[in-house]
C-alpha atoms as a PDB file:
ATOM      1  CA  VAL A   1       0.000   0.000   0.000  1.00  0.00           C
ATOM      2  CA  GLN A   2       1.315   3.428  -0.939  1.00  0.00           C
ATOM      3  CA  LEU A   3      -0.065   6.894  -0.361  1.00  0.00           C
ATOM      4  CA  GLN A   4       1.284   9.928  -2.187  1.00  0.00           C
ATOM      5  CA  ALA A   5       0.245  13.279  -0.761  1.00  0.00           C
ATOM      6  CA  SER A   6       0.707  16.464  -2.745  1.00  0.00           C
ATOM      7  CA  GLY A   7      -0.558  20.011  -3.068  1.00  0.00           C
ATOM      8  CA  GLY A   8       1.068  21.632  -0.085  1.00  0.00           C
ATOM      9  CA  GLY A   9       2.912  24.896  -0.275  1.00  0.00           C
ATOM     10  CA  LEU A  10       3.042  28.457   0.937  1.00  0.00           C
ATOM     11  CA  VAL A  11      -0.244  30.341   1.036  1.00  0.00           C
ATOM     12  CA  GLN A  12      -1.351  33.624   2.542  1.00  0.00           C
ATOM     13  CA  ALA A  13      -3.842  33.669   5.355  1.00  0.00           C
ATOM     14  CA  GLY A  14      -7.335  33.679   3.908  1.00  0.00           C
ATOM     15  CA  GLY A  15      -6.247  31.824   0.818  1.00  0.00           C
ATOM     16  CA  SER A  16      -6.904  28.298  -0.420  1.00  0.00           C
ATOM     17  CA  LEU A  17      -5.054  25.087  -1.149  1.00  0.00           C
ATOM     18  CA  ARG A  18      -6.173  21.669  -2.300  1.00  0.00           C
ATOM     19  CA  LEU A  19      -4.303  18.667  -1.031  1.00  0.00           C
ATOM     20  CA  SER A  20      -4.453  15.373  -2.876  1.00  0.00           C
ATOM     21  CA  CYS A  21      -3.644  11.858  -1.767  1.00  0.00           C
ATOM     22  CA  ALA A  22      -3.264   9.133  -4.355  1.00  0.00           C
ATOM     23  CA  VAL A  23      -3.612   5.612  -2.995  1.00  0.00           C
ATOM     24  CA  THR A  24      -2.412   2.375  -4.562  1.00  0.00           C
ATOM     25  CA  GLY A  25      -2.247  -1.222  -3.463  1.00  0.00           C
ATOM     26  CA  VAL A  26      -5.578  -1.472  -1.674  1.00  0.00           C
ATOM     27  CA  THR A  27      -9.245  -1.761  -2.569  1.00  0.00           C
ATOM     28  CA  PHE A  28      -9.708   1.965  -2.206  1.00  0.00           C
ATOM     29  CA  ASP A  29     -13.492   2.170  -2.083  1.00  0.00           C
ATOM     30  CA  HIS A  30     -13.701  -0.251   0.844  1.00  0.00           C
ATOM     31  CA  TYR A  31     -12.030   1.990   3.392  1.00  0.00           C
ATOM     32  CA  ALA A  32     -12.185   5.297   5.153  1.00  0.00           C
ATOM     33  CA  ILE A  33      -9.371   7.749   4.491  1.00  0.00           C
ATOM     34  CA  TYR A  34      -8.014  10.141   7.093  1.00  0.00           C
ATOM     35  CA  TRP A  35      -6.072  13.392   7.004  1.00  0.00           C
ATOM     36  CA  PHE A  36      -3.856  14.207   9.954  1.00  0.00           C
ATOM     37  CA  ARG A  37      -1.536  17.130  10.492  1.00  0.00           C
ATOM     38  CA  GLU A  38       1.523  17.470  12.622  1.00  0.00           C
ATOM     39  CA  VAL A  39       3.376  20.372  14.118  1.00  0.00           C
ATOM     40  CA  SER A  40       6.558  19.463  15.944  1.00  0.00           C
ATOM     41  CA  TRP A  41       5.723  21.324  19.134  1.00  0.00           C
ATOM     42  CA  LYS A  42       1.989  20.382  19.148  1.00  0.00           C
ATOM     43  CA  GLY A  43       2.071  16.799  18.017  1.00  0.00           C
ATOM     44  CA  ARG A  44      -0.315  15.091  15.643  1.00  0.00           C
ATOM     45  CA  GLU A  45      -3.968  15.991  15.160  1.00  0.00           C
ATOM     46  CA  GLY A  46      -6.739  14.337  13.208  1.00  0.00           C
ATOM     47  CA  VAL A  47      -8.181  16.834  10.735  1.00  0.00           C
ATOM     48  CA  SER A  48     -10.761  15.038   8.673  1.00  0.00           C
ATOM     49  CA  CYS A  49     -12.037  11.661   7.631  1.00  0.00           C
ATOM     50  CA  ILE A  50     -14.178  10.391   4.793  1.00  0.00           C
ATOM     51  CA  SER A  51     -15.899   7.040   5.040  1.00  0.00           C
ATOM     52  CA  ASN A  52     -16.155   4.555   2.216  1.00  0.00           C
ATOM     53  CA  ASP A  53     -19.663   5.783   1.474  1.00  0.00           C
ATOM     54  CA  GLY A  54     -18.668   9.442   1.496  1.00  0.00           C
ATOM     55  CA  GLY A  55     -19.569  10.489   5.009  1.00  0.00           C
ATOM     56  CA  ALA A  56     -17.301  13.338   6.079  1.00  0.00           C
ATOM     57  CA  TYR A  57     -16.046  14.308   9.514  1.00  0.00           C
ATOM     58  CA  TYR A  58     -13.960  17.268  10.631  1.00  0.00           C
ATOM     59  CA  VAL A  59     -12.160  18.501  13.679  1.00  0.00           C
ATOM     60  CA  GLU A  60     -13.949  21.514  15.070  1.00  0.00           C
ATOM     61  CA  SER A  61     -11.211  23.967  14.147  1.00  0.00           C
ATOM     62  CA  VAL A  62     -11.602  23.348  10.399  1.00  0.00           C
ATOM     63  CA  LYS A  63     -15.366  22.937  10.117  1.00  0.00           C
ATOM     64  CA  GLY A  64     -16.795  25.270   7.511  1.00  0.00           C
ATOM     65  CA  ARG A  65     -13.372  25.877   5.963  1.00  0.00           C
ATOM     66  CA  PHE A  66     -12.101  22.470   4.845  1.00  0.00           C
ATOM     67  CA  THR A  67     -13.868  19.959   2.630  1.00  0.00           C
ATOM     68  CA  ILE A  68     -12.829  16.351   2.170  1.00  0.00           C
ATOM     69  CA  SER A  69     -13.850  14.360  -0.879  1.00  0.00           C
ATOM     70  CA  ARG A  70     -12.882  11.190  -2.673  1.00  0.00           C
ATOM     71  CA  ASP A  71     -12.767   9.927  -6.229  1.00  0.00           C
ATOM     72  CA  ASN A  72     -13.044   6.164  -6.016  1.00  0.00           C
ATOM     73  CA  GLU A  73     -12.367   5.737  -9.707  1.00  0.00           C
ATOM     74  CA  LYS A  74      -9.075   7.635  -9.555  1.00  0.00           C
ATOM     75  CA  LYS A  75      -8.315   6.394  -6.019  1.00  0.00           C
ATOM     76  CA  ILE A  76      -7.624   9.901  -4.799  1.00  0.00           C
ATOM     77  CA  VAL A  77      -8.824  11.735  -1.733  1.00  0.00           C
ATOM     78  CA  TYR A  78      -8.813  15.519  -1.619  1.00  0.00           C
ATOM     79  CA  LEU A  79      -8.733  18.068   1.146  1.00  0.00           C
ATOM     80  CA  GLN A  80      -9.907  21.485  -0.011  1.00  0.00           C
ATOM     81  CA  MET A  81      -8.617  24.067   2.424  1.00  0.00           C
ATOM     82  CA  ASN A  82     -10.275  27.488   2.282  1.00  0.00           C
ATOM     83  CA  SER A  83      -9.878  30.559   4.474  1.00  0.00           C
ATOM     84  CA  VAL A  84      -6.658  29.146   5.822  1.00  0.00           C
ATOM     85  CA  LYS A  85      -5.188  30.478   9.043  1.00  0.00           C
ATOM     86  CA  SER A  86      -1.691  30.542  10.449  1.00  0.00           C
ATOM     87  CA  GLU A  87      -2.645  27.736  12.820  1.00  0.00           C
ATOM     88  CA  ASP A  88      -3.244  25.481   9.814  1.00  0.00           C
ATOM     89  CA  THR A  89       0.504  25.460   9.202  1.00  0.00           C
ATOM     90  CA  ALA A  90       1.620  21.842   9.522  1.00  0.00           C
ATOM     91  CA  VAL A  91       2.729  18.756   7.673  1.00  0.00           C
ATOM     92  CA  TYR A  92      -0.397  17.043   6.398  1.00  0.00           C
ATOM     93  CA  TYR A  93      -0.584  13.265   6.113  1.00  0.00           C
ATOM     94  CA  CYS A  94      -3.168  10.977   4.588  1.00  0.00           C
ATOM     95  CA  THR A  95      -3.719   7.536   5.998  1.00  0.00           C
ATOM     96  CA  ILE A  96      -5.625   4.385   5.188  1.00  0.00           C
ATOM     97  CA  LEU A  97      -5.759   1.399   7.526  1.00  0.00           C
ATOM     98  CA  THR A  98      -2.312   1.497   9.202  1.00  0.00           C
ATOM     99  CA  TYR A  99      -0.543   3.034   6.229  1.00  0.00           C
ATOM    100  CA  TRP A 100       0.710   6.620   6.045  1.00  0.00           C
ATOM    101  CA  GLY A 101       1.866   8.795   3.193  1.00  0.00           C
ATOM    102  CA  GLN A 102       5.009  10.882   3.308  1.00  0.00           C
ATOM    103  CA  GLY A 103       3.264  14.142   4.199  1.00  0.00           C
ATOM    104  CA  THR A 104       3.018  17.492   2.459  1.00  0.00           C
ATOM    105  CA  GLN A 105       3.987  20.771   4.092  1.00  0.00           C
ATOM    106  CA  VAL A 106       1.422  23.555   4.323  1.00  0.00           C
ATOM    107  CA  THR A 107       2.694  26.939   5.447  1.00  0.00           C
ATOM    108  CA  VAL A 108       0.299  29.817   5.975  1.00  0.00           C
ATOM    109  CA  SER A 109       1.805  33.290   6.070  1.00  0.00           C
ATOM    110  CA  SER A 110       0.069  36.086   7.907  1.00  0.00           C
END
């Protein structure tokens, strides 16, 4: 199983980014996919999850700003990040089962 996260970068506060996570080696549409983020001094935090049938869940701090979605045909999960804030700065990881991608850095400048 491999996960390839991409789409991170430097963005101004209030701006938008879309993260992508391409998954191979697993029956993609059978499983929930999770996005976590990690800041060295804060640790790791669950951000969002999408179930195999499309149900979406968010940590309170990103509700109304982030949207998770999945394309089962392409085996990609997306995290649309709008109205970003400085506290969204982190390395973002996608996970499925016990597998983790390599992470993509998101840096929000104020």
